Amino acid sequence: HITGAEERYIFHITGGKQSAEASRPTSAASLAELRARVAASGETLLQLATSLDGSIRVLVGAGDDAILIPVEALLLQAIHHAHEHRTQIETMLGQLGIDPPGLSGWRYFVEQIK
């Protein structure tokens, strides 16, 4: 779900020019496949976030419900959606007695500048 959503955000942001992986799979992907896809979508989202013109509008929804929104809104939703589900996973791991990895944005930033 998380991986497919990131791919769909990319699909909308690029006007459908990116991977067709965003379609719903017909079978379960292996962990290796999911890891590769989420790494690729994460890199693409980072590249898009640092290179897009803020005046771009993105079409979301379908039919009468379709609207144009600022590209920043879709990028913000991508961040929020990913964080929301990762936090849920962290909670479930904790309930199972597994010490989850840190998900702090600060921690990520510090790791990136080392």
PDB file of N, CA and C in Angstrom:
ATOM      1  N   HIS A   1       0.823  -1.188   0.000  1.00  0.00           N
ATOM      2  CA  HIS A   1       0.000   0.000   0.000  1.00  0.00           C
ATOM      3  C   HIS A   1       0.873   1.261   0.000  1.00  0.00           C
ATOM      4  N   ILE A   2       1.865   1.301   0.875  1.00  0.00           N
ATOM      5  CA  ILE A   2       2.748   2.468   0.959  1.00  0.00           C
ATOM      6  C   ILE A   2       3.523   2.631  -0.345  1.00  0.00           C
ATOM      7  N   THR A   3       4.076   1.538  -0.820  1.00  0.00           N
ATOM      8  CA  THR A   3       4.871   1.587  -2.049  1.00  0.00           C
ATOM      9  C   THR A   3       4.022   2.011  -3.240  1.00  0.00           C
ATOM     10  N   GLY A   4       2.862   1.417  -3.401  1.00  0.00           N
ATOM     11  CA  GLY A   4       1.976   1.780  -4.508  1.00  0.00           C
ATOM     12  C   GLY A   4       1.540   3.224  -4.438  1.00  0.00           C
ATOM     13  N   ALA A   5       1.281   3.714  -3.223  1.00  0.00           N
ATOM     14  CA  ALA A   5       0.864   5.110  -3.068  1.00  0.00           C
ATOM     15  C   ALA A   5       1.977   6.054  -3.510  1.00  0.00           C
ATOM     16  N   GLU A   6       3.223   5.761  -3.101  1.00  0.00           N
ATOM     17  CA  GLU A   6       4.333   6.621  -3.526  1.00  0.00           C
ATOM     18  C   GLU A   6       4.447   6.634  -5.046  1.00  0.00           C
ATOM     19  N   GLU A   7       4.273   5.482  -5.649  1.00  0.00           N
ATOM     20  CA  GLU A   7       4.350   5.415  -7.107  1.00  0.00           C
ATOM     21  C   GLU A   7       3.206   6.191  -7.756  1.00  0.00           C
ATOM     22  N   ARG A   8       2.033   6.163  -7.139  1.00  0.00           N
ATOM     23  CA  ARG A   8       0.909   6.936  -7.685  1.00  0.00           C
ATOM     24  C   ARG A   8       1.134   8.438  -7.520  1.00  0.00           C
ATOM     25  N   TYR A   9       1.737   8.856  -6.411  1.00  0.00           N
ATOM     26  CA  TYR A   9       2.065  10.281  -6.254  1.00  0.00           C
ATOM     27  C   TYR A   9       3.002  10.715  -7.380  1.00  0.00           C
ATOM     28  N   ILE A  10       3.996   9.907  -7.658  1.00  0.00           N
ATOM     29  CA  ILE A  10       4.941  10.217  -8.741  1.00  0.00           C
ATOM     30  C   ILE A  10       4.205  10.262 -10.072  1.00  0.00           C
ATOM     31  N   PHE A  11       3.328   9.308 -10.300  1.00  0.00           N
ATOM     32  CA  PHE A  11       2.548   9.263 -11.536  1.00  0.00           C
ATOM     33  C   PHE A  11       1.777  10.571 -11.727  1.00  0.00           C
ATOM     34  N   HIS A  12       1.103  11.039 -10.665  1.00  0.00           N
ATOM     35  CA  HIS A  12       0.326  12.284 -10.764  1.00  0.00           C
ATOM     36  C   HIS A  12       1.227  13.506 -10.936  1.00  0.00           C
ATOM     37  N   ILE A  13       2.317  13.558 -10.188  1.00  0.00           N
ATOM     38  CA  ILE A  13       3.211  14.716 -10.246  1.00  0.00           C
ATOM     39  C   ILE A  13       3.838  14.851 -11.622  1.00  0.00           C
ATOM     40  N   THR A  14       4.170  13.736 -12.243  1.00  0.00           N
ATOM     41  CA  THR A  14       4.837  13.780 -13.546  1.00  0.00           C
ATOM     42  C   THR A  14       3.855  13.735 -14.706  1.00  0.00           C
ATOM     43  N   GLY A  15       2.581  13.790 -14.418  1.00  0.00           N
ATOM     44  CA  GLY A  15       1.587  13.741 -15.484  1.00  0.00           C
ATOM     45  C   GLY A  15       1.522  12.388 -16.154  1.00  0.00           C
ATOM     46  N   GLY A  16       1.799  11.325 -15.404  1.00  0.00           N
ATOM     47  CA  GLY A  16       1.722   9.972 -15.947  1.00  0.00           C
ATOM     48  C   GLY A  16       2.935   9.568 -16.747  1.00  0.00           C
ATOM     49  N   LYS A  17       4.061  10.294 -16.575  1.00  0.00           N
ATOM     50  CA  LYS A  17       5.256   9.993 -17.367  1.00  0.00           C
ATOM     51  C   LYS A  17       6.190   9.000 -16.688  1.00  0.00           C
ATOM     52  N   GLN A  18       5.914   8.666 -15.438  1.00  0.00           N
ATOM     53  CA  GLN A  18       6.783   7.748 -14.711  1.00  0.00           C
ATOM     54  C   GLN A  18       6.241   6.329 -14.765  1.00  0.00           C
ATOM     55  N   SER A  19       6.838   5.481 -13.969  1.00  0.00           N
ATOM     56  CA  SER A  19       6.562   4.053 -13.941  1.00  0.00           C
ATOM     57  C   SER A  19       5.079   3.687 -13.899  1.00  0.00           C
ATOM     58  N   ALA A  20       4.750   2.660 -14.634  1.00  0.00           N
ATOM     59  CA  ALA A  20       3.383   2.124 -14.607  1.00  0.00           C
ATOM     60  C   ALA A  20       3.196   1.193 -13.417  1.00  0.00           C
ATOM     61  N   GLU A  21       4.228   1.070 -12.556  1.00  0.00           N
ATOM     62  CA  GLU A  21       4.146   0.233 -11.354  1.00  0.00           C
ATOM     63  C   GLU A  21       3.014   0.681 -10.442  1.00  0.00           C
ATOM     64  N   ALA A  22       2.553   1.921 -10.640  1.00  0.00           N
ATOM     65  CA  ALA A  22       1.533   2.481  -9.755  1.00  0.00           C
ATOM     66  C   ALA A  22       0.211   1.727  -9.833  1.00  0.00           C
ATOM     67  N   SER A  23       0.041   0.914 -10.867  1.00  0.00           N
ATOM     68  CA  SER A  23      -1.211   0.149 -10.934  1.00  0.00           C
ATOM     69  C   SER A  23      -1.219  -0.898  -9.831  1.00  0.00           C
ATOM     70  N   ARG A  24      -2.378  -1.300  -9.428  1.00  0.00           N
ATOM     71  CA  ARG A  24      -2.494  -2.267  -8.334  1.00  0.00           C
ATOM     72  C   ARG A  24      -1.968  -3.634  -8.794  1.00  0.00           C
ATOM     73  N   PRO A  25      -1.090  -4.235  -7.982  1.00  0.00           N
ATOM     74  CA  PRO A  25      -0.531  -5.537  -8.366  1.00  0.00           C
ATOM     75  C   PRO A  25      -1.587  -6.638  -8.301  1.00  0.00           C
ATOM     76  N   THR A  26      -1.373  -7.670  -9.099  1.00  0.00           N
ATOM     77  CA  THR A  26      -2.297  -8.801  -9.096  1.00  0.00           C
ATOM     78  C   THR A  26      -1.799  -9.906  -8.169  1.00  0.00           C
ATOM     79  N   SER A  27      -0.555  -9.811  -7.716  1.00  0.00           N
ATOM     80  CA  SER A  27      -0.012 -10.786  -6.774  1.00  0.00           C
ATOM     81  C   SER A  27       0.873 -10.055  -5.769  1.00  0.00           C
ATOM     82  N   ALA A  28       1.158 -10.725  -4.672  1.00  0.00           N
ATOM     83  CA  ALA A  28       1.988 -10.128  -3.632  1.00  0.00           C
ATOM     84  C   ALA A  28       3.433 -10.032  -4.113  1.00  0.00           C
ATOM     85  N   ALA A  29       4.043  -8.891  -3.847  1.00  0.00           N
ATOM     86  CA  ALA A  29       5.446  -8.698  -4.204  1.00  0.00           C
ATOM     87  C   ALA A  29       6.322  -9.249  -3.080  1.00  0.00           C
ATOM     88  N   SER A  30       7.517  -9.672  -3.430  1.00  0.00           N
ATOM     89  CA  SER A  30       8.451 -10.136  -2.406  1.00  0.00           C
ATOM     90  C   SER A  30       9.001  -8.924  -1.650  1.00  0.00           C
ATOM     91  N   LEU A  31       9.580  -9.163  -0.487  1.00  0.00           N
ATOM     92  CA  LEU A  31      10.179  -8.065   0.272  1.00  0.00           C
ATOM     93  C   LEU A  31      11.301  -7.401  -0.521  1.00  0.00           C
ATOM     94  N   ALA A  32      12.062  -8.192  -1.263  1.00  0.00           N
ATOM     95  CA  ALA A  32      13.142  -7.625  -2.078  1.00  0.00           C
ATOM     96  C   ALA A  32      12.577  -6.693  -3.150  1.00  0.00           C
ATOM     97  N   GLU A  33      11.482  -7.110  -3.780  1.00  0.00           N
ATOM     98  CA  GLU A  33      10.848  -6.259  -4.796  1.00  0.00           C
ATOM     99  C   GLU A  33      10.311  -4.976  -4.173  1.00  0.00           C
ATOM    100  N   LEU A  34       9.648  -5.108  -3.023  1.00  0.00           N
ATOM    101  CA  LEU A  34       9.113  -3.923  -2.348  1.00  0.00           C
ATOM    102  C   LEU A  34      10.229  -2.976  -1.934  1.00  0.00           C
ATOM    103  N   ARG A  35      11.316  -3.523  -1.407  1.00  0.00           N
ATOM    104  CA  ARG A  35      12.458  -2.695  -0.999  1.00  0.00           C
ATOM    105  C   ARG A  35      13.017  -1.927  -2.193  1.00  0.00           C
ATOM    106  N   ALA A  36      13.178  -2.590  -3.318  1.00  0.00           N
ATOM    107  CA  ALA A  36      13.704  -1.920  -4.513  1.00  0.00           C
ATOM    108  C   ALA A  36      12.741  -0.837  -5.001  1.00  0.00           C
ATOM    109  N   ARG A  37      11.458  -1.134  -5.004  1.00  0.00           N
ATOM    110  CA  ARG A  37      10.465  -0.156  -5.473  1.00  0.00           C
ATOM    111  C   ARG A  37      10.380   1.049  -4.553  1.00  0.00           C
ATOM    112  N   VAL A  38      10.389   0.812  -3.231  1.00  0.00           N
ATOM    113  CA  VAL A  38      10.280   1.936  -2.305  1.00  0.00           C
ATOM    114  C   VAL A  38      11.557   2.777  -2.331  1.00  0.00           C
ATOM    115  N   ALA A  39      12.709   2.157  -2.538  1.00  0.00           N
ATOM    116  CA  ALA A  39      13.953   2.929  -2.663  1.00  0.00           C
ATOM    117  C   ALA A  39      13.898   3.804  -3.913  1.00  0.00           C
ATOM    118  N   ALA A  40      13.424   3.239  -5.014  1.00  0.00           N
ATOM    119  CA  ALA A  40      13.329   4.002  -6.267  1.00  0.00           C
ATOM    120  C   ALA A  40      12.310   5.131  -6.153  1.00  0.00           C
ATOM    121  N   SER A  41      11.151   4.850  -5.569  1.00  0.00           N
ATOM    122  CA  SER A  41      10.135   5.904  -5.456  1.00  0.00           C
ATOM    123  C   SER A  41      10.591   6.986  -4.487  1.00  0.00           C
ATOM    124  N   GLY A  42      11.274   6.602  -3.425  1.00  0.00           N
ATOM    125  CA  GLY A  42      11.795   7.596  -2.486  1.00  0.00           C
ATOM    126  C   GLY A  42      12.792   8.529  -3.149  1.00  0.00           C
ATOM    127  N   GLU A  43      13.711   7.957  -3.919  1.00  0.00           N
ATOM    128  CA  GLU A  43      14.689   8.781  -4.644  1.00  0.00           C
ATOM    129  C   GLU A  43      13.998   9.714  -5.632  1.00  0.00           C
ATOM    130  N   THR A  44      13.026   9.190  -6.354  1.00  0.00           N
ATOM    131  CA  THR A  44      12.310  10.007  -7.335  1.00  0.00           C
ATOM    132  C   THR A  44      11.559  11.140  -6.650  1.00  0.00           C
ATOM    133  N   LEU A  45      10.895  10.857  -5.531  1.00  0.00           N
ATOM    134  CA  LEU A  45      10.175  11.911  -4.808  1.00  0.00           C
ATOM    135  C   LEU A  45      11.133  12.987  -4.309  1.00  0.00           C
ATOM    136  N   LEU A  46      12.308  12.581  -3.826  1.00  0.00           N
ATOM    137  CA  LEU A  46      13.306  13.571  -3.396  1.00  0.00           C
ATOM    138  C   LEU A  46      13.755  14.440  -4.566  1.00  0.00           C
ATOM    139  N   GLN A  47      14.022  13.816  -5.702  1.00  0.00           N
ATOM    140  CA  GLN A  47      14.425  14.576  -6.893  1.00  0.00           C
ATOM    141  C   GLN A  47      13.325  15.539  -7.321  1.00  0.00           C
ATOM    142  N   LEU A  48      12.090  15.080  -7.323  1.00  0.00           N
ATOM    143  CA  LEU A  48      10.974  15.939  -7.717  1.00  0.00           C
ATOM    144  C   LEU A  48      10.808  17.096  -6.739  1.00  0.00           C
ATOM    145  N   ALA A  49      10.928  16.812  -5.446  1.00  0.00           N
ATOM    146  CA  ALA A  49      10.737  17.850  -4.427  1.00  0.00           C
ATOM    147  C   ALA A  49      11.766  18.966  -4.553  1.00  0.00           C
ATOM    148  N   THR A  50      12.956  18.639  -5.009  1.00  0.00           N
ATOM    149  CA  THR A  50      14.006  19.654  -5.115  1.00  0.00           C
ATOM    150  C   THR A  50      14.085  20.298  -6.492  1.00  0.00           C
ATOM    151  N   SER A  51      13.298  19.832  -7.436  1.00  0.00           N
ATOM    152  CA  SER A  51      13.433  20.366  -8.793  1.00  0.00           C
ATOM    153  C   SER A  51      12.156  20.950  -9.389  1.00  0.00           C
ATOM    154  N   LEU A  52      11.018  20.767  -8.737  1.00  0.00           N
ATOM    155  CA  LEU A  52       9.760  21.212  -9.334  1.00  0.00           C
ATOM    156  C   LEU A  52       9.520  22.701  -9.163  1.00  0.00           C
ATOM    157  N   ASP A  53       8.873  23.278 -10.140  1.00  0.00           N
ATOM    158  CA  ASP A  53       8.424  24.669 -10.100  1.00  0.00           C
ATOM    159  C   ASP A  53       7.167  24.722  -9.242  1.00  0.00           C
ATOM    160  N   GLY A  54       7.167  25.603  -8.240  1.00  0.00           N
ATOM    161  CA  GLY A  54       6.045  25.702  -7.320  1.00  0.00           C
ATOM    162  C   GLY A  54       4.740  26.142  -7.942  1.00  0.00           C
ATOM    163  N   SER A  55       4.779  26.613  -9.183  1.00  0.00           N
ATOM    164  CA  SER A  55       3.534  27.056  -9.817  1.00  0.00           C
ATOM    165  C   SER A  55       2.786  25.915 -10.508  1.00  0.00           C
ATOM    166  N   ILE A  56       3.370  24.728 -10.505  1.00  0.00           N
ATOM    167  CA  ILE A  56       2.754  23.573 -11.165  1.00  0.00           C
ATOM    168  C   ILE A  56       1.507  23.133 -10.400  1.00  0.00           C
ATOM    169  N   ARG A  57       0.469  22.804 -11.148  1.00  0.00           N
ATOM    170  CA  ARG A  57      -0.756  22.256 -10.587  1.00  0.00           C
ATOM    171  C   ARG A  57      -0.893  20.822 -11.078  1.00  0.00           C
ATOM    172  N   VAL A  58      -1.397  19.961 -10.207  1.00  0.00           N
ATOM    173  CA  VAL A  58      -1.494  18.532 -10.486  1.00  0.00           C
ATOM    174  C   VAL A  58      -2.962  18.125 -10.443  1.00  0.00           C
ATOM    175  N   LEU A  59      -3.383  17.356 -11.437  1.00  0.00           N
ATOM    176  CA  LEU A  59      -4.758  16.873 -11.488  1.00  0.00           C
ATOM    177  C   LEU A  59      -4.880  15.608 -10.643  1.00  0.00           C
ATOM    178  N   VAL A  60      -5.783  15.650  -9.668  1.00  0.00           N
ATOM    179  CA  VAL A  60      -6.048  14.465  -8.844  1.00  0.00           C
ATOM    180  C   VAL A  60      -7.543  14.187  -8.852  1.00  0.00           C
ATOM    181  N   GLY A  61      -7.898  12.940  -8.620  1.00  0.00           N
ATOM    182  CA  GLY A  61      -9.306  12.559  -8.666  1.00  0.00           C
ATOM    183  C   GLY A  61      -9.702  12.190 -10.082  1.00  0.00           C
ATOM    184  N   ALA A  62     -10.970  11.840 -10.240  1.00  0.00           N
ATOM    185  CA  ALA A  62     -11.457  11.426 -11.553  1.00  0.00           C
ATOM    186  C   ALA A  62     -12.849  11.985 -11.800  1.00  0.00           C
ATOM    187  N   GLY A  63     -13.163  12.152 -13.057  1.00  0.00           N
ATOM    188  CA  GLY A  63     -14.498  12.606 -13.449  1.00  0.00           C
ATOM    189  C   GLY A  63     -14.859  13.940 -12.834  1.00  0.00           C
ATOM    190  N   ASP A  64     -16.066  14.037 -12.300  1.00  0.00           N
ATOM    191  CA  ASP A  64     -16.536  15.282 -11.698  1.00  0.00           C
ATOM    192  C   ASP A  64     -15.789  15.636 -10.420  1.00  0.00           C
ATOM    193  N   ASP A  65     -15.095  14.674  -9.829  1.00  0.00           N
ATOM    194  CA  ASP A  65     -14.354  14.922  -8.594  1.00  0.00           C
ATOM    195  C   ASP A  65     -12.915  15.370  -8.847  1.00  0.00           C
ATOM    196  N   ALA A  66     -12.481  15.417 -10.103  1.00  0.00           N
ATOM    197  CA  ALA A  66     -11.106  15.803 -10.420  1.00  0.00           C
ATOM    198  C   ALA A  66     -10.892  17.286 -10.118  1.00  0.00           C
ATOM    199  N   ILE A  67      -9.755  17.570  -9.473  1.00  0.00           N
ATOM    200  CA  ILE A  67      -9.397  18.959  -9.173  1.00  0.00           C
ATOM    201  C   ILE A  67      -7.912  19.172  -9.429  1.00  0.00           C
ATOM    202  N   LEU A  68      -7.538  20.416  -9.666  1.00  0.00           N
ATOM    203  CA  LEU A  68      -6.133  20.794  -9.782  1.00  0.00           C
ATOM    204  C   LEU A  68      -5.671  21.310  -8.427  1.00  0.00           C
ATOM    205  N   ILE A  69      -4.563  20.762  -7.939  1.00  0.00           N
ATOM    206  CA  ILE A  69      -4.013  21.212  -6.668  1.00  0.00           C
ATOM    207  C   ILE A  69      -2.552  21.602  -6.868  1.00  0.00           C
ATOM    208  N   PRO A  70      -2.000  22.442  -5.990  1.00  0.00           N
ATOM    209  CA  PRO A  70      -0.575  22.771  -6.090  1.00  0.00           C
ATOM    210  C   PRO A  70       0.267  21.510  -5.908  1.00  0.00           C
ATOM    211  N   VAL A  71       1.341  21.408  -6.655  1.00  0.00           N
ATOM    212  CA  VAL A  71       2.202  20.228  -6.570  1.00  0.00           C
ATOM    213  C   VAL A  71       2.719  20.038  -5.150  1.00  0.00           C
ATOM    214  N   GLU A  72       2.917  21.149  -4.429  1.00  0.00           N
ATOM    215  CA  GLU A  72       3.395  21.042  -3.053  1.00  0.00           C
ATOM    216  C   GLU A  72       2.410  20.263  -2.180  1.00  0.00           C
ATOM    217  N   ALA A  73       1.120  20.397  -2.451  1.00  0.00           N
ATOM    218  CA  ALA A  73       0.111  19.684  -1.661  1.00  0.00           C
ATOM    219  C   ALA A  73       0.258  18.175  -1.833  1.00  0.00           C
ATOM    220  N   LEU A  74       0.567  17.740  -3.037  1.00  0.00           N
ATOM    221  CA  LEU A  74       0.735  16.305  -3.274  1.00  0.00           C
ATOM    222  C   LEU A  74       2.026  15.799  -2.627  1.00  0.00           C
ATOM    223  N   LEU A  75       3.088  16.606  -2.691  1.00  0.00           N
ATOM    224  CA  LEU A  75       4.331  16.217  -2.023  1.00  0.00           C
ATOM    225  C   LEU A  75       4.129  16.151  -0.512  1.00  0.00           C
ATOM    226  N   LEU A  76       3.401  17.107   0.041  1.00  0.00           N
ATOM    227  CA  LEU A  76       3.104  17.097   1.469  1.00  0.00           C
ATOM    228  C   LEU A  76       2.298  15.853   1.840  1.00  0.00           C
ATOM    229  N   GLN A  77       1.337  15.494   1.018  1.00  0.00           N
ATOM    230  CA  GLN A  77       0.536  14.298   1.278  1.00  0.00           C
ATOM    231  C   GLN A  77       1.408  13.048   1.211  1.00  0.00           C
ATOM    232  N   ALA A  78       2.361  13.009   0.291  1.00  0.00           N
ATOM    233  CA  ALA A  78       3.263  11.856   0.205  1.00  0.00           C
ATOM    234  C   ALA A  78       4.047  11.700   1.509  1.00  0.00           C
ATOM    235  N   ILE A  79       4.538  12.814   2.044  1.00  0.00           N
ATOM    236  CA  ILE A  79       5.282  12.771   3.310  1.00  0.00           C
ATOM    237  C   ILE A  79       4.361  12.335   4.446  1.00  0.00           C
ATOM    238  N   HIS A  80       3.206  12.957   4.534  1.00  0.00           N
ATOM    239  CA  HIS A  80       2.265  12.647   5.614  1.00  0.00           C
ATOM    240  C   HIS A  80       1.825  11.184   5.570  1.00  0.00           C
ATOM    241  N   HIS A  81       1.473  10.707   4.399  1.00  0.00           N
ATOM    242  CA  HIS A  81       0.987   9.338   4.239  1.00  0.00           C
ATOM    243  C   HIS A  81       2.055   8.332   4.658  1.00  0.00           C
ATOM    244  N   ALA A  82       3.271   8.546   4.189  1.00  0.00           N
ATOM    245  CA  ALA A  82       4.359   7.627   4.530  1.00  0.00           C
ATOM    246  C   ALA A  82       4.630   7.648   6.034  1.00  0.00           C
ATOM    247  N   HIS A  83       4.660   8.832   6.612  1.00  0.00           N
ATOM    248  CA  HIS A  83       4.931   8.938   8.049  1.00  0.00           C
ATOM    249  C   HIS A  83       3.821   8.287   8.870  1.00  0.00           C
ATOM    250  N   GLU A  84       2.592   8.519   8.468  1.00  0.00           N
ATOM    251  CA  GLU A  84       1.448   7.953   9.190  1.00  0.00           C
ATOM    252  C   GLU A  84       1.548   6.431   9.273  1.00  0.00           C
ATOM    253  N   HIS A  85       1.817   5.786   8.149  1.00  0.00           N
ATOM    254  CA  HIS A  85       1.877   4.327   8.143  1.00  0.00           C
ATOM    255  C   HIS A  85       3.138   3.805   8.816  1.00  0.00           C
ATOM    256  N   ARG A  86       4.247   4.504   8.672  1.00  0.00           N
ATOM    257  CA  ARG A  86       5.467   4.062   9.344  1.00  0.00           C
ATOM    258  C   ARG A  86       5.309   4.152  10.862  1.00  0.00           C
ATOM    259  N   THR A  87       4.604   5.169  11.318  1.00  0.00           N
ATOM    260  CA  THR A  87       4.329   5.293  12.749  1.00  0.00           C
ATOM    261  C   THR A  87       3.448   4.144  13.224  1.00  0.00           C
ATOM    262  N   GLN A  88       2.469   3.760  12.427  1.00  0.00           N
ATOM    263  CA  GLN A  88       1.613   2.623  12.786  1.00  0.00           C
ATOM    264  C   GLN A  88       2.436   1.331  12.873  1.00  0.00           C
ATOM    265  N   ILE A  89       3.343   1.147  11.923  1.00  0.00           N
ATOM    266  CA  ILE A  89       4.202  -0.041  11.929  1.00  0.00           C
ATOM    267  C   ILE A  89       5.105  -0.023  13.159  1.00  0.00           C
ATOM    268  N   GLU A  90       5.655   1.151  13.478  1.00  0.00           N
ATOM    269  CA  GLU A  90       6.502   1.289  14.661  1.00  0.00           C
ATOM    270  C   GLU A  90       5.722   0.902  15.927  1.00  0.00           C
ATOM    271  N   THR A  91       4.483   1.335  16.027  1.00  0.00           N
ATOM    272  CA  THR A  91       3.639   0.998  17.181  1.00  0.00           C
ATOM    273  C   THR A  91       3.402  -0.503  17.262  1.00  0.00           C
ATOM    274  N   MET A  92       3.096  -1.131  16.127  1.00  0.00           N
ATOM    275  CA  MET A  92       2.857  -2.579  16.121  1.00  0.00           C
ATOM    276  C   MET A  92       4.111  -3.347  16.524  1.00  0.00           C
ATOM    277  N   LEU A  93       5.270  -2.928  16.032  1.00  0.00           N
ATOM    278  CA  LEU A  93       6.516  -3.592  16.415  1.00  0.00           C
ATOM    279  C   LEU A  93       6.742  -3.466  17.913  1.00  0.00           C
ATOM    280  N   GLY A  94       6.505  -2.272  18.449  1.00  0.00           N
ATOM    281  CA  GLY A  94       6.657  -2.057  19.884  1.00  0.00           C
ATOM    282  C   GLY A  94       5.740  -2.954  20.697  1.00  0.00           C
ATOM    283  N   GLN A  95       4.504  -3.130  20.237  1.00  0.00           N
ATOM    284  CA  GLN A  95       3.556  -4.000  20.941  1.00  0.00           C
ATOM    285  C   GLN A  95       3.992  -5.464  20.903  1.00  0.00           C
ATOM    286  N   LEU A  96       4.784  -5.809  19.906  1.00  0.00           N
ATOM    287  CA  LEU A  96       5.309  -7.175  19.797  1.00  0.00           C
ATOM    288  C   LEU A  96       6.623  -7.342  20.557  1.00  0.00           C
ATOM    289  N   GLY A  97       7.069  -6.265  21.216  1.00  0.00           N
ATOM    290  CA  GLY A  97       8.316  -6.323  21.974  1.00  0.00           C
ATOM    291  C   GLY A  97       9.555  -6.110  21.130  1.00  0.00           C
ATOM    292  N   ILE A  98       9.382  -5.643  19.907  1.00  0.00           N
ATOM    293  CA  ILE A  98      10.506  -5.381  19.007  1.00  0.00           C
ATOM    294  C   ILE A  98      10.835  -3.897  19.077  1.00  0.00           C
ATOM    295  N   ASP A  99      12.110  -3.584  19.322  1.00  0.00           N
ATOM    296  CA  ASP A  99      12.528  -2.188  19.386  1.00  0.00           C
ATOM    297  C   ASP A  99      12.574  -1.638  17.956  1.00  0.00           C
ATOM    298  N   PRO A 100      11.651  -0.752  17.600  1.00  0.00           N
ATOM    299  CA  PRO A 100      11.598  -0.256  16.218  1.00  0.00           C
ATOM    300  C   PRO A 100      12.713   0.754  15.938  1.00  0.00           C
ATOM    301  N   PRO A 101      13.067   0.903  14.678  1.00  0.00           N
ATOM    302  CA  PRO A 101      14.074   1.907  14.318  1.00  0.00           C
ATOM    303  C   PRO A 101      13.498   3.308  14.507  1.00  0.00           C
ATOM    304  N   GLY A 102      14.372   4.279  14.703  1.00  0.00           N
ATOM    305  CA  GLY A 102      13.920   5.659  14.841  1.00  0.00           C
ATOM    306  C   GLY A 102      13.399   6.206  13.521  1.00  0.00           C
ATOM    307  N   LEU A 103      12.307   6.935  13.565  1.00  0.00           N
ATOM    308  CA  LEU A 103      11.709   7.499  12.353  1.00  0.00           C
ATOM    309  C   LEU A 103      11.795   9.023  12.331  1.00  0.00           C
ATOM    310  N   SER A 104      12.570   9.585  13.209  1.00  0.00           N
ATOM    311  CA  SER A 104      12.662  11.030  13.322  1.00  0.00           C
ATOM    312  C   SER A 104      13.223  11.666  12.053  1.00  0.00           C
ATOM    313  N   GLY A 105      12.593  12.744  11.629  1.00  0.00           N
ATOM    314  CA  GLY A 105      13.134  13.517  10.509  1.00  0.00           C
ATOM    315  C   GLY A 105      14.498  14.084  10.833  1.00  0.00           C
ATOM    316  N   TRP A 106      14.693  14.471  12.089  1.00  0.00           N
ATOM    317  CA  TRP A 106      15.999  14.987  12.518  1.00  0.00           C
ATOM    318  C   TRP A 106      17.066  13.912  12.373  1.00  0.00           C
ATOM    319  N   ARG A 107      16.740  12.699  12.796  1.00  0.00           N
ATOM    320  CA  ARG A 107      17.692  11.595  12.701  1.00  0.00           C
ATOM    321  C   ARG A 107      18.072  11.345  11.237  1.00  0.00           C
ATOM    322  N   TYR A 108      17.078  11.354  10.360  1.00  0.00           N
ATOM    323  CA  TYR A 108      17.342  11.162   8.932  1.00  0.00           C
ATOM    324  C   TYR A 108      18.291  12.241   8.423  1.00  0.00           C
ATOM    325  N   PHE A 109      18.022  13.499   8.784  1.00  0.00           N
ATOM    326  CA  PHE A 109      18.858  14.611   8.325  1.00  0.00           C
ATOM    327  C   PHE A 109      20.292  14.441   8.813  1.00  0.00           C
ATOM    328  N   VAL A 110      20.462  14.122  10.090  1.00  0.00           N
ATOM    329  CA  VAL A 110      21.803  13.947  10.651  1.00  0.00           C
ATOM    330  C   VAL A 110      22.533  12.824   9.924  1.00  0.00           C
ATOM    331  N   GLU A 111      21.842  11.718   9.655  1.00  0.00           N
ATOM    332  CA  GLU A 111      22.460  10.604   8.936  1.00  0.00           C
ATOM    333  C   GLU A 111      22.867  11.009   7.517  1.00  0.00           C
ATOM    334  N   GLN A 112      22.094  11.864   6.888  1.00  0.00           N
ATOM    335  CA  GLN A 112      22.381  12.279   5.513  1.00  0.00           C
ATOM    336  C   GLN A 112      23.592  13.199   5.421  1.00  0.00           C
ATOM    337  N   ILE A 113      23.863  13.980   6.471  1.00  0.00           N
ATOM    338  CA  ILE A 113      24.978  14.933   6.385  1.00  0.00           C
ATOM    339  C   ILE A 113      26.282  14.366   6.921  1.00  0.00           C
ATOM    340  N   LYS A 114      26.255  13.153   7.474  1.00  0.00           N
ATOM    341  CA  LYS A 114      27.490  12.534   7.989  1.00  0.00           C
ATOM    342  C   LYS A 114      28.403  12.163   6.860  1.00  0.00           C
TER     343      LYS A 114
END
